Amino acid sequence: MKKVRRITKNQEFGDILSCRKFTKTPSFILYRKEAKENHARIGISAGKKLGNAVVRNKVKRQVRSLIDEVFDFDEPWDFVLIVRPGYLKNDYAQLKNELSDARRKALKSSAKRGK
């Protein structure tokens, strides 16, 4: 995932989370807000419940790889992906399916509302 497509600033994370538009799966929570730029951006959050810093950094690297496979960055949305403790119980194929389902649900619900 290129750095141009990442959300890194705390203020931007807060803005997206405050919109309260989200989709849940056992391993992820995917928040969304209309994009400020003309391409999608994604921020990743891995809490301390996942493990120590080494584990969290490993999880974030794996999630970036999943994002590259699932997202095409043509959506008019900015996303924040929160990794839940259920992430550690699944294998890569299950996680990829969950993330693609979360993306599909988020885009489908946003299309219903017209936003």
PDB file of N, CA and C in Angstrom:
ATOM      1  N   MET A   1       0.848  -1.163   0.000  1.00  0.00           N
ATOM      2  CA  MET A   1       0.000   0.000   0.000  1.00  0.00           C
ATOM      3  C   MET A   1       0.903   1.239   0.000  1.00  0.00           C
ATOM      4  N   LYS A   2       0.721   2.087  -0.991  1.00  0.00           N
ATOM      5  CA  LYS A   2       1.546   3.277  -1.116  1.00  0.00           C
ATOM      6  C   LYS A   2       1.220   4.275  -0.003  1.00  0.00           C
ATOM      7  N   LYS A   3       2.213   5.068   0.357  1.00  0.00           N
ATOM      8  CA  LYS A   3       2.022   6.026   1.445  1.00  0.00           C
ATOM      9  C   LYS A   3       1.003   7.105   1.104  1.00  0.00           C
ATOM     10  N   VAL A   4       0.815   7.383  -0.165  1.00  0.00           N
ATOM     11  CA  VAL A   4      -0.177   8.378  -0.590  1.00  0.00           C
ATOM     12  C   VAL A   4      -1.581   7.898  -0.237  1.00  0.00           C
ATOM     13  N   ARG A   5      -1.769   6.597  -0.147  1.00  0.00           N
ATOM     14  CA  ARG A   5      -3.078   6.017   0.114  1.00  0.00           C
ATOM     15  C   ARG A   5      -3.298   5.689   1.589  1.00  0.00           C
ATOM     16  N   ARG A   6      -2.442   6.175   2.459  1.00  0.00           N
ATOM     17  CA  ARG A   6      -2.573   5.914   3.889  1.00  0.00           C
ATOM     18  C   ARG A   6      -3.074   7.143   4.621  1.00  0.00           C
ATOM     19  N   ILE A   7      -3.817   6.895   5.676  1.00  0.00           N
ATOM     20  CA  ILE A   7      -4.205   7.957   6.598  1.00  0.00           C
ATOM     21  C   ILE A   7      -3.295   7.814   7.803  1.00  0.00           C
ATOM     22  N   THR A   8      -2.588   8.876   8.144  1.00  0.00           N
ATOM     23  CA  THR A   8      -1.618   8.789   9.234  1.00  0.00           C
ATOM     24  C   THR A   8      -1.881   9.786  10.359  1.00  0.00           C
ATOM     25  N   LYS A   9      -2.606  10.852  10.067  1.00  0.00           N
ATOM     26  CA  LYS A   9      -2.792  11.895  11.072  1.00  0.00           C
ATOM     27  C   LYS A   9      -3.933  11.555  12.026  1.00  0.00           C
ATOM     28  N   ASN A  10      -3.699  11.801  13.296  1.00  0.00           N
ATOM     29  CA  ASN A  10      -4.668  11.508  14.340  1.00  0.00           C
ATOM     30  C   ASN A  10      -5.982  12.258  14.111  1.00  0.00           C
ATOM     31  N   GLN A  11      -5.907  13.477  13.636  1.00  0.00           N
ATOM     32  CA  GLN A  11      -7.099  14.286  13.376  1.00  0.00           C
ATOM     33  C   GLN A  11      -7.967  13.632  12.298  1.00  0.00           C
ATOM     34  N   GLU A  12      -7.345  13.096  11.257  1.00  0.00           N
ATOM     35  CA  GLU A  12      -8.098  12.440  10.186  1.00  0.00           C
ATOM     36  C   GLU A  12      -8.753  11.162  10.688  1.00  0.00           C
ATOM     37  N   PHE A  13      -8.047  10.405  11.530  1.00  0.00           N
ATOM     38  CA  PHE A  13      -8.642   9.213  12.138  1.00  0.00           C
ATOM     39  C   PHE A  13      -9.889   9.615  12.927  1.00  0.00           C
ATOM     40  N   GLY A  14      -9.764  10.651  13.735  1.00  0.00           N
ATOM     41  CA  GLY A  14     -10.876  11.117  14.556  1.00  0.00           C
ATOM     42  C   GLY A  14     -12.059  11.578  13.729  1.00  0.00           C
ATOM     43  N   ASP A  15     -11.789  12.273  12.623  1.00  0.00           N
ATOM     44  CA  ASP A  15     -12.874  12.740  11.751  1.00  0.00           C
ATOM     45  C   ASP A  15     -13.656  11.570  11.170  1.00  0.00           C
ATOM     46  N   ILE A  16     -12.950  10.548  10.734  1.00  0.00           N
ATOM     47  CA  ILE A  16     -13.613   9.382  10.129  1.00  0.00           C
ATOM     48  C   ILE A  16     -14.382   8.598  11.183  1.00  0.00           C
ATOM     49  N   LEU A  17     -13.797   8.405  12.349  1.00  0.00           N
ATOM     50  CA  LEU A  17     -14.461   7.651  13.410  1.00  0.00           C
ATOM     51  C   LEU A  17     -15.682   8.395  13.936  1.00  0.00           C
ATOM     52  N   SER A  18     -15.646   9.720  13.909  1.00  0.00           N
ATOM     53  CA  SER A  18     -16.777  10.490  14.429  1.00  0.00           C
ATOM     54  C   SER A  18     -17.998  10.426  13.520  1.00  0.00           C
ATOM     55  N   CYS A  19     -17.827  10.029  12.268  1.00  0.00           N
ATOM     56  CA  CYS A  19     -18.979   9.888  11.349  1.00  0.00           C
ATOM     57  C   CYS A  19     -19.873   8.711  11.735  1.00  0.00           C
ATOM     58  N   ARG A  20     -19.326   7.735  12.406  1.00  0.00           N
ATOM     59  CA  ARG A  20     -20.060   6.571  12.900  1.00  0.00           C
ATOM     60  C   ARG A  20     -20.736   5.754  11.799  1.00  0.00           C
ATOM     61  N   LYS A  21     -20.163   5.724  10.624  1.00  0.00           N
ATOM     62  CA  LYS A  21     -20.622   4.835   9.556  1.00  0.00           C
ATOM     63  C   LYS A  21     -19.617   3.695   9.500  1.00  0.00           C
ATOM     64  N   PHE A  22     -20.050   2.511   9.867  1.00  0.00           N
ATOM     65  CA  PHE A  22     -19.101   1.406   9.955  1.00  0.00           C
ATOM     66  C   PHE A  22     -19.738   0.079   9.596  1.00  0.00           C
ATOM     67  N   THR A  23     -18.873  -0.901   9.344  1.00  0.00           N
ATOM     68  CA  THR A  23     -19.256  -2.282   9.083  1.00  0.00           C
ATOM     69  C   THR A  23     -18.391  -3.162   9.974  1.00  0.00           C
ATOM     70  N   LYS A  24     -19.017  -4.152  10.622  1.00  0.00           N
ATOM     71  CA  LYS A  24     -18.290  -5.028  11.538  1.00  0.00           C
ATOM     72  C   LYS A  24     -18.181  -6.438  10.977  1.00  0.00           C
ATOM     73  N   THR A  25     -17.050  -7.072  11.228  1.00  0.00           N
ATOM     74  CA  THR A  25     -16.843  -8.500  11.026  1.00  0.00           C
ATOM     75  C   THR A  25     -16.150  -9.014  12.284  1.00  0.00           C
ATOM     76  N   PRO A  26     -16.000 -10.323  12.446  1.00  0.00           N
ATOM     77  CA  PRO A  26     -15.313 -10.813  13.658  1.00  0.00           C
ATOM     78  C   PRO A  26     -13.862 -10.334  13.791  1.00  0.00           C
ATOM     79  N   SER A  27     -13.215 -10.019  12.675  1.00  0.00           N
ATOM     80  CA  SER A  27     -11.815  -9.612  12.724  1.00  0.00           C
ATOM     81  C   SER A  27     -11.569  -8.135  12.496  1.00  0.00           C
ATOM     82  N   PHE A  28     -12.543  -7.427  11.913  1.00  0.00           N
ATOM     83  CA  PHE A  28     -12.334  -6.033  11.532  1.00  0.00           C
ATOM     84  C   PHE A  28     -13.551  -5.166  11.848  1.00  0.00           C
ATOM     85  N   ILE A  29     -13.294  -3.869  12.005  1.00  0.00           N
ATOM     86  CA  ILE A  29     -14.343  -2.848  11.960  1.00  0.00           C
ATOM     87  C   ILE A  29     -13.869  -1.847  10.911  1.00  0.00           C
ATOM     88  N   LEU A  30     -14.713  -1.588   9.921  1.00  0.00           N
ATOM     89  CA  LEU A  30     -14.346  -0.710   8.822  1.00  0.00           C
ATOM     90  C   LEU A  30     -15.217   0.546   8.862  1.00  0.00           C
ATOM     91  N   TYR A  31     -14.604   1.669   9.245  1.00  0.00           N
ATOM     92  CA  TYR A  31     -15.284   2.961   9.262  1.00  0.00           C
ATOM     93  C   TYR A  31     -15.066   3.653   7.928  1.00  0.00           C
ATOM     94  N   ARG A  32     -16.023   4.501   7.521  1.00  0.00           N
ATOM     95  CA  ARG A  32     -15.873   5.196   6.241  1.00  0.00           C
ATOM     96  C   ARG A  32     -16.398   6.631   6.337  1.00  0.00           C
ATOM     97  N   LYS A  33     -15.844   7.462   5.484  1.00  0.00           N
ATOM     98  CA  LYS A  33     -16.275   8.855   5.348  1.00  0.00           C
ATOM     99  C   LYS A  33     -15.942   9.280   3.922  1.00  0.00           C
ATOM    100  N   GLU A  34     -16.692  10.223   3.396  1.00  0.00           N
ATOM    101  CA  GLU A  34     -16.432  10.686   2.037  1.00  0.00           C
ATOM    102  C   GLU A  34     -14.995  11.199   1.925  1.00  0.00           C
ATOM    103  N   ALA A  35     -14.361  10.870   0.811  1.00  0.00           N
ATOM    104  CA  ALA A  35     -12.946  11.191   0.620  1.00  0.00           C
ATOM    105  C   ALA A  35     -12.729  12.676   0.392  1.00  0.00           C
ATOM    106  N   LYS A  36     -11.615  13.173   0.903  1.00  0.00           N
ATOM    107  CA  LYS A  36     -11.227  14.549   0.654  1.00  0.00           C
ATOM    108  C   LYS A  36     -10.493  14.656  -0.684  1.00  0.00           C
ATOM    109  N   GLU A  37      -9.836  13.578  -1.074  1.00  0.00           N
ATOM    110  CA  GLU A  37      -9.085  13.558  -2.321  1.00  0.00           C
ATOM    111  C   GLU A  37      -9.870  12.743  -3.347  1.00  0.00           C
ATOM    112  N   ASN A  38      -9.331  12.630  -4.557  1.00  0.00           N
ATOM    113  CA  ASN A  38     -10.055  11.912  -5.598  1.00  0.00           C
ATOM    114  C   ASN A  38      -9.708  10.426  -5.655  1.00  0.00           C
ATOM    115  N   HIS A  39      -9.128   9.903  -4.591  1.00  0.00           N
ATOM    116  CA  HIS A  39      -8.891   8.461  -4.468  1.00  0.00           C
ATOM    117  C   HIS A  39      -9.100   8.058  -3.007  1.00  0.00           C
ATOM    118  N   ALA A  40      -9.318   6.785  -2.803  1.00  0.00           N
ATOM    119  CA  ALA A  40      -9.551   6.282  -1.445  1.00  0.00           C
ATOM    120  C   ALA A  40      -8.246   6.271  -0.654  1.00  0.00           C
ATOM    121  N   ARG A  41      -8.373   6.446   0.651  1.00  0.00           N
ATOM    122  CA  ARG A  41      -7.242   6.313   1.562  1.00  0.00           C
ATOM    123  C   ARG A  41      -7.683   5.429   2.722  1.00  0.00           C
ATOM    124  N   ILE A  42      -6.720   4.723   3.310  1.00  0.00           N
ATOM    125  CA  ILE A  42      -7.050   3.790   4.389  1.00  0.00           C
ATOM    126  C   ILE A  42      -6.056   3.973   5.534  1.00  0.00           C
ATOM    127  N   GLY A  43      -6.590   3.997   6.761  1.00  0.00           N
ATOM    128  CA  GLY A  43      -5.775   4.011   7.965  1.00  0.00           C
ATOM    129  C   GLY A  43      -6.001   2.712   8.720  1.00  0.00           C
ATOM    130  N   ILE A  44      -4.967   2.205   9.348  1.00  0.00           N
ATOM    131  CA  ILE A  44      -5.037   0.935  10.072  1.00  0.00           C
ATOM    132  C   ILE A  44      -4.772   1.198  11.545  1.00  0.00           C
ATOM    133  N   SER A  45      -5.602   0.593  12.399  1.00  0.00           N
ATOM    134  CA  SER A  45      -5.419   0.704  13.838  1.00  0.00           C
ATOM    135  C   SER A  45      -5.417  -0.694  14.440  1.00  0.00           C
ATOM    136  N   ALA A  46      -4.377  -1.001  15.191  1.00  0.00           N
ATOM    137  CA  ALA A  46      -4.267  -2.286  15.882  1.00  0.00           C
ATOM    138  C   ALA A  46      -4.056  -1.987  17.365  1.00  0.00           C
ATOM    139  N   GLY A  47      -5.022  -2.324  18.189  1.00  0.00           N
ATOM    140  CA  GLY A  47      -4.971  -2.011  19.610  1.00  0.00           C
ATOM    141  C   GLY A  47      -4.089  -2.944  20.405  1.00  0.00           C
ATOM    142  N   LYS A  48      -3.877  -2.579  21.664  1.00  0.00           N
ATOM    143  CA  LYS A  48      -2.999  -3.356  22.538  1.00  0.00           C
ATOM    144  C   LYS A  48      -3.564  -4.722  22.905  1.00  0.00           C
ATOM    145  N   LYS A  49      -4.853  -4.941  22.677  1.00  0.00           N
ATOM    146  CA  LYS A  49      -5.434  -6.249  22.961  1.00  0.00           C
ATOM    147  C   LYS A  49      -4.884  -7.324  22.038  1.00  0.00           C
ATOM    148  N   LEU A  50      -4.316  -6.924  20.901  1.00  0.00           N
ATOM    149  CA  LEU A  50      -3.740  -7.888  19.955  1.00  0.00           C
ATOM    150  C   LEU A  50      -2.424  -8.457  20.458  1.00  0.00           C
ATOM    151  N   GLY A  51      -1.675  -7.671  21.194  1.00  0.00           N
ATOM    152  CA  GLY A  51      -0.383  -8.148  21.686  1.00  0.00           C
ATOM    153  C   GLY A  51       0.582  -6.989  21.839  1.00  0.00           C
ATOM    154  N   ASN A  52       1.863  -7.340  21.986  1.00  0.00           N
ATOM    155  CA  ASN A  52       2.875  -6.297  22.163  1.00  0.00           C
ATOM    156  C   ASN A  52       3.180  -5.619  20.823  1.00  0.00           C
ATOM    157  N   ALA A  53       4.105  -4.693  20.815  1.00  0.00           N
ATOM    158  CA  ALA A  53       4.389  -3.888  19.631  1.00  0.00           C
ATOM    159  C   ALA A  53       4.845  -4.735  18.446  1.00  0.00           C
ATOM    160  N   VAL A  54       5.597  -5.782  18.710  1.00  0.00           N
ATOM    161  CA  VAL A  54       6.072  -6.651  17.632  1.00  0.00           C
ATOM    162  C   VAL A  54       4.888  -7.318  16.933  1.00  0.00           C
ATOM    163  N   VAL A  55       3.963  -7.823  17.701  1.00  0.00           N
ATOM    164  CA  VAL A  55       2.775  -8.485  17.142  1.00  0.00           C
ATOM    165  C   VAL A  55       1.915  -7.475  16.386  1.00  0.00           C
ATOM    166  N   ARG A  56       1.704  -6.307  16.955  1.00  0.00           N
ATOM    167  CA  ARG A  56       0.868  -5.298  16.293  1.00  0.00           C
ATOM    168  C   ARG A  56       1.470  -4.842  14.976  1.00  0.00           C
ATOM    169  N   ASN A  57       2.783  -4.658  14.926  1.00  0.00           N
ATOM    170  CA  ASN A  57       3.431  -4.266  13.678  1.00  0.00           C
ATOM    171  C   ASN A  57       3.346  -5.371  12.632  1.00  0.00           C
ATOM    172  N   LYS A  58       3.473  -6.612  13.054  1.00  0.00           N
ATOM    173  CA  LYS A  58       3.325  -7.741  12.133  1.00  0.00           C
ATOM    174  C   LYS A  58       1.910  -7.783  11.571  1.00  0.00           C
ATOM    175  N   VAL A  59       0.926  -7.583  12.433  1.00  0.00           N
ATOM    176  CA  VAL A  59      -0.477  -7.578  12.012  1.00  0.00           C
ATOM    177  C   VAL A  59      -0.714  -6.464  11.005  1.00  0.00           C
ATOM    178  N   LYS A  60      -0.173  -5.278  11.261  1.00  0.00           N
ATOM    179  CA  LYS A  60      -0.376  -4.157  10.340  1.00  0.00           C
ATOM    180  C   LYS A  60       0.270  -4.426   8.984  1.00  0.00           C
ATOM    181  N   ARG A  61       1.431  -5.074   8.957  1.00  0.00           N
ATOM    182  CA  ARG A  61       2.054  -5.444   7.676  1.00  0.00           C
ATOM    183  C   ARG A  61       1.164  -6.422   6.913  1.00  0.00           C
ATOM    184  N   GLN A  62       0.616  -7.412   7.630  1.00  0.00           N
ATOM    185  CA  GLN A  62      -0.269  -8.387   6.989  1.00  0.00           C
ATOM    186  C   GLN A  62      -1.540  -7.715   6.467  1.00  0.00           C
ATOM    187  N   VAL A  63      -2.089  -6.799   7.241  1.00  0.00           N
ATOM    188  CA  VAL A  63      -3.316  -6.107   6.833  1.00  0.00           C
ATOM    189  C   VAL A  63      -3.046  -5.240   5.604  1.00  0.00           C
ATOM    190  N   ARG A  64      -1.894  -4.598   5.523  1.00  0.00           N
ATOM    191  CA  ARG A  64      -1.561  -3.817   4.322  1.00  0.00           C
ATOM    192  C   ARG A  64      -1.533  -4.710   3.090  1.00  0.00           C
ATOM    193  N   SER A  65      -1.021  -5.917   3.246  1.00  0.00           N
ATOM    194  CA  SER A  65      -1.009  -6.867   2.139  1.00  0.00           C
ATOM    195  C   SER A  65      -2.435  -7.262   1.741  1.00  0.00           C
ATOM    196  N   LEU A  66      -3.293  -7.490   2.727  1.00  0.00           N
ATOM    197  CA  LEU A  66      -4.700  -7.794   2.452  1.00  0.00           C
ATOM    198  C   LEU A  66      -5.380  -6.635   1.728  1.00  0.00           C
ATOM    199  N   ILE A  67      -5.111  -5.435   2.170  1.00  0.00           N
ATOM    200  CA  ILE A  67      -5.724  -4.252   1.567  1.00  0.00           C
ATOM    201  C   ILE A  67      -5.319  -4.123   0.101  1.00  0.00           C
ATOM    202  N   ASP A  68      -4.047  -4.380  -0.203  1.00  0.00           N
ATOM    203  CA  ASP A  68      -3.599  -4.314  -1.593  1.00  0.00           C
ATOM    204  C   ASP A  68      -4.361  -5.288  -2.482  1.00  0.00           C
ATOM    205  N   GLU A  69      -4.730  -6.440  -1.940  1.00  0.00           N
ATOM    206  CA  GLU A  69      -5.449  -7.433  -2.721  1.00  0.00           C
ATOM    207  C   GLU A  69      -6.943  -7.131  -2.841  1.00  0.00           C
ATOM    208  N   VAL A  70      -7.533  -6.523  -1.822  1.00  0.00           N
ATOM    209  CA  VAL A  70      -8.987  -6.339  -1.778  1.00  0.00           C
ATOM    210  C   VAL A  70      -9.432  -4.993  -2.357  1.00  0.00           C
ATOM    211  N   PHE A  71      -8.749  -3.910  -2.022  1.00  0.00           N
ATOM    212  CA  PHE A  71      -9.178  -2.571  -2.420  1.00  0.00           C
ATOM    213  C   PHE A  71      -8.538  -2.179  -3.745  1.00  0.00           C
ATOM    214  N   ASP A  72      -9.298  -1.426  -4.556  1.00  0.00           N
ATOM    215  CA  ASP A  72      -8.741  -0.894  -5.803  1.00  0.00           C
ATOM    216  C   ASP A  72      -8.535   0.619  -5.746  1.00  0.00           C
ATOM    217  N   PHE A  73      -8.909   1.248  -4.639  1.00  0.00           N
ATOM    218  CA  PHE A  73      -8.684   2.663  -4.347  1.00  0.00           C
ATOM    219  C   PHE A  73      -9.393   3.598  -5.328  1.00  0.00           C
ATOM    220  N   ASP A  74     -10.433   3.123  -6.015  1.00  0.00           N
ATOM    221  CA  ASP A  74     -11.238   3.972  -6.884  1.00  0.00           C
ATOM    222  C   ASP A  74     -12.472   4.503  -6.170  1.00  0.00           C
ATOM    223  N   GLU A  75     -12.714   4.016  -4.959  1.00  0.00           N
ATOM    224  CA  GLU A  75     -13.896   4.421  -4.206  1.00  0.00           C
ATOM    225  C   GLU A  75     -13.769   5.874  -3.753  1.00  0.00           C
ATOM    226  N   PRO A  76     -14.883   6.580  -3.632  1.00  0.00           N
ATOM    227  CA  PRO A  76     -14.828   7.970  -3.146  1.00  0.00           C
ATOM    228  C   PRO A  76     -14.904   8.039  -1.621  1.00  0.00           C
ATOM    229  N   TRP A  77     -14.217   7.158  -0.931  1.00  0.00           N
ATOM    230  CA  TRP A  77     -14.300   7.063   0.526  1.00  0.00           C
ATOM    231  C   TRP A  77     -12.919   7.007   1.146  1.00  0.00           C
ATOM    232  N   ASP A  78     -12.816   7.525   2.357  1.00  0.00           N
ATOM    233  CA  ASP A  78     -11.661   7.301   3.218  1.00  0.00           C
ATOM    234  C   ASP A  78     -12.097   6.277   4.256  1.00  0.00           C
ATOM    235  N   PHE A  79     -11.221   5.335   4.576  1.00  0.00           N
ATOM    236  CA  PHE A  79     -11.555   4.251   5.496  1.00  0.00           C
ATOM    237  C   PHE A  79     -10.583   4.220   6.660  1.00  0.00           C
ATOM    238  N   VAL A  80     -11.083   3.782   7.815  1.00  0.00           N
ATOM    239  CA  VAL A  80     -10.237   3.411   8.954  1.00  0.00           C
ATOM    240  C   VAL A  80     -10.572   1.969   9.279  1.00  0.00           C
ATOM    241  N   LEU A  81      -9.560   1.131   9.256  1.00  0.00           N
ATOM    242  CA  LEU A  81      -9.733  -0.292   9.518  1.00  0.00           C
ATOM    243  C   LEU A  81      -9.174  -0.597  10.900  1.00  0.00           C
ATOM    244  N   ILE A  82     -10.047  -0.998  11.812  1.00  0.00           N
ATOM    245  CA  ILE A  82      -9.632  -1.364  13.161  1.00  0.00           C
ATOM    246  C   ILE A  82      -9.549  -2.884  13.220  1.00  0.00           C
ATOM    247  N   VAL A  83      -8.406  -3.389  13.629  1.00  0.00           N
ATOM    248  CA  VAL A  83      -8.191  -4.830  13.713  1.00  0.00           C
ATOM    249  C   VAL A  83      -8.625  -5.304  15.091  1.00  0.00           C
ATOM    250  N   ARG A  84      -9.520  -6.297  15.109  1.00  0.00           N
ATOM    251  CA  ARG A  84     -10.047  -6.834  16.365  1.00  0.00           C
ATOM    252  C   ARG A  84      -9.256  -8.078  16.784  1.00  0.00           C
ATOM    253  N   PRO A  85      -9.337  -8.482  18.058  1.00  0.00           N
ATOM    254  CA  PRO A  85      -8.593  -9.668  18.520  1.00  0.00           C
ATOM    255  C   PRO A  85      -8.949 -10.962  17.784  1.00  0.00           C
ATOM    256  N   GLY A  86     -10.122 -11.042  17.179  1.00  0.00           N
ATOM    257  CA  GLY A  86     -10.486 -12.223  16.400  1.00  0.00           C
ATOM    258  C   GLY A  86      -9.602 -12.441  15.190  1.00  0.00           C
ATOM    259  N   TYR A  87      -8.842 -11.429  14.811  1.00  0.00           N
ATOM    260  CA  TYR A  87      -7.919 -11.515  13.676  1.00  0.00           C
ATOM    261  C   TYR A  87      -6.916 -12.650  13.867  1.00  0.00           C
ATOM    262  N   LEU A  88      -6.425 -12.810  15.079  1.00  0.00           N
ATOM    263  CA  LEU A  88      -5.364 -13.775  15.355  1.00  0.00           C
ATOM    264  C   LEU A  88      -5.828 -15.227  15.238  1.00  0.00           C
ATOM    265  N   LYS A  89      -7.147 -15.454  15.230  1.00  0.00           N
ATOM    266  CA  LYS A  89      -7.679 -16.814  15.190  1.00  0.00           C
ATOM    267  C   LYS A  89      -7.887 -17.341  13.774  1.00  0.00           C
ATOM    268  N   ASN A  90      -7.781 -16.483  12.768  1.00  0.00           N
ATOM    269  CA  ASN A  90      -8.093 -16.871  11.399  1.00  0.00           C
ATOM    270  C   ASN A  90      -6.848 -16.947  10.533  1.00  0.00           C
ATOM    271  N   ASP A  91      -6.969 -17.684   9.418  1.00  0.00           N
ATOM    272  CA  ASP A  91      -5.864 -17.739   8.474  1.00  0.00           C
ATOM    273  C   ASP A  91      -6.054 -16.664   7.398  1.00  0.00           C
ATOM    274  N   TYR A  92      -5.074 -16.547   6.519  1.00  0.00           N
ATOM    275  CA  TYR A  92      -5.033 -15.461   5.540  1.00  0.00           C
ATOM    276  C   TYR A  92      -6.252 -15.480   4.613  1.00  0.00           C
ATOM    277  N   ALA A  93      -6.654 -16.642   4.143  1.00  0.00           N
ATOM    278  CA  ALA A  93      -7.791 -16.734   3.216  1.00  0.00           C
ATOM    279  C   ALA A  93      -9.086 -16.276   3.880  1.00  0.00           C
ATOM    280  N   GLN A  94      -9.306 -16.661   5.130  1.00  0.00           N
ATOM    281  CA  GLN A  94     -10.502 -16.231   5.854  1.00  0.00           C
ATOM    282  C   GLN A  94     -10.491 -14.721   6.073  1.00  0.00           C
ATOM    283  N   LEU A  95      -9.323 -14.192   6.409  1.00  0.00           N
ATOM    284  CA  LEU A  95      -9.205 -12.756   6.635  1.00  0.00           C
ATOM    285  C   LEU A  95      -9.462 -11.977   5.350  1.00  0.00           C
ATOM    286  N   LYS A  96      -8.971 -12.492   4.245  1.00  0.00           N
ATOM    287  CA  LYS A  96      -9.202 -11.835   2.956  1.00  0.00           C
ATOM    288  C   LYS A  96     -10.690 -11.820   2.627  1.00  0.00           C
ATOM    289  N   ASN A  97     -11.382 -12.940   2.878  1.00  0.00           N
ATOM    290  CA  ASN A  97     -12.824 -13.002   2.633  1.00  0.00           C
ATOM    291  C   ASN A  97     -13.579 -12.023   3.537  1.00  0.00           C
ATOM    292  N   GLU A  98     -13.206 -11.961   4.803  1.00  0.00           N
ATOM    293  CA  GLU A  98     -13.868 -11.041   5.735  1.00  0.00           C
ATOM    294  C   GLU A  98     -13.680  -9.586   5.311  1.00  0.00           C
ATOM    295  N   LEU A  99     -12.453  -9.238   4.907  1.00  0.00           N
ATOM    296  CA  LEU A  99     -12.185  -7.860   4.504  1.00  0.00           C
ATOM    297  C   LEU A  99     -12.929  -7.510   3.220  1.00  0.00           C
ATOM    298  N   SER A 100     -12.978  -8.423   2.274  1.00  0.00           N
ATOM    299  CA  SER A 100     -13.720  -8.135   1.041  1.00  0.00           C
ATOM    300  C   SER A 100     -15.219  -8.031   1.313  1.00  0.00           C
ATOM    301  N   ASP A 101     -15.741  -8.846   2.236  1.00  0.00           N
ATOM    302  CA  ASP A 101     -17.148  -8.729   2.621  1.00  0.00           C
ATOM    303  C   ASP A 101     -17.431  -7.394   3.301  1.00  0.00           C
ATOM    304  N   ALA A 102     -16.539  -6.972   4.190  1.00  0.00           N
ATOM    305  CA  ALA A 102     -16.711  -5.689   4.879  1.00  0.00           C
ATOM    306  C   ALA A 102     -16.692  -4.544   3.872  1.00  0.00           C
ATOM    307  N   ARG A 103     -15.787  -4.604   2.908  1.00  0.00           N
ATOM    308  CA  ARG A 103     -15.720  -3.571   1.875  1.00  0.00           C
ATOM    309  C   ARG A 103     -16.998  -3.558   1.048  1.00  0.00           C
ATOM    310  N   ARG A 104     -17.443  -4.723   0.655  1.00  0.00           N
ATOM    311  CA  ARG A 104     -18.659  -4.831  -0.166  1.00  0.00           C
ATOM    312  C   ARG A 104     -19.865  -4.281   0.595  1.00  0.00           C
ATOM    313  N   LYS A 105     -20.009  -4.652   1.870  1.00  0.00           N
ATOM    314  CA  LYS A 105     -21.127  -4.165   2.687  1.00  0.00           C
ATOM    315  C   LYS A 105     -21.074  -2.650   2.867  1.00  0.00           C
ATOM    316  N   ALA A 106     -19.887  -2.121   3.093  1.00  0.00           N
ATOM    317  CA  ALA A 106     -19.739  -0.685   3.283  1.00  0.00           C
ATOM    318  C   ALA A 106     -20.116   0.083   2.019  1.00  0.00           C
ATOM    319  N   LEU A 107     -19.688  -0.402   0.880  1.00  0.00           N
ATOM    320  CA  LEU A 107     -20.007   0.284  -0.376  1.00  0.00           C
ATOM    321  C   LEU A 107     -21.482   0.115  -0.716  1.00  0.00           C
ATOM    322  N   LYS A 108     -22.047  -1.045  -0.389  1.00  0.00           N
ATOM    323  CA  LYS A 108     -23.457  -1.292  -0.672  1.00  0.00           C
ATOM    324  C   LYS A 108     -24.345  -0.390   0.204  1.00  0.00           C
ATOM    325  N   SER A 109     -24.023  -0.280   1.469  1.00  0.00           N
ATOM    326  CA  SER A 109     -24.838   0.565   2.356  1.00  0.00           C
ATOM    327  C   SER A 109     -24.695   2.038   2.007  1.00  0.00           C
ATOM    328  N   SER A 110     -23.524   2.439   1.526  1.00  0.00           N
ATOM    329  CA  SER A 110     -23.346   3.842   1.134  1.00  0.00           C
ATOM    330  C   SER A 110     -24.092   4.118  -0.161  1.00  0.00           C
ATOM    331  N   ALA A 111     -24.229   3.128  -1.038  1.00  0.00           N
ATOM    332  CA  ALA A 111     -24.971   3.321  -2.284  1.00  0.00           C
ATOM    333  C   ALA A 111     -26.476   3.422  -2.003  1.00  0.00           C
ATOM    334  N   LYS A 112     -26.952   2.684  -0.996  1.00  0.00           N
ATOM    335  CA  LYS A 112     -28.373   2.736  -0.633  1.00  0.00           C
ATOM    336  C   LYS A 112     -28.764   4.119  -0.153  1.00  0.00           C
ATOM    337  N   ARG A 113     -27.887   4.716   0.641  1.00  0.00           N
ATOM    338  CA  ARG A 113     -28.183   6.025   1.228  1.00  0.00           C
ATOM    339  C   ARG A 113     -27.892   7.170   0.265  1.00  0.00           C
ATOM    340  N   GLY A 114     -27.208   6.852  -0.830  1.00  0.00           N
ATOM    341  CA  GLY A 114     -26.870   7.899  -1.769  1.00  0.00           C
ATOM    342  C   GLY A 114     -25.722   8.779  -1.322  1.00  0.00           C
ATOM    343  N   LYS A 115     -24.924   8.258  -0.369  1.00  0.00           N
ATOM    344  CA  LYS A 115     -23.781   9.034   0.141  1.00  0.00           C
ATOM    345  C   LYS A 115     -22.526   8.251  -0.056  1.00  0.00           C
TER     346      LYS A 115
END
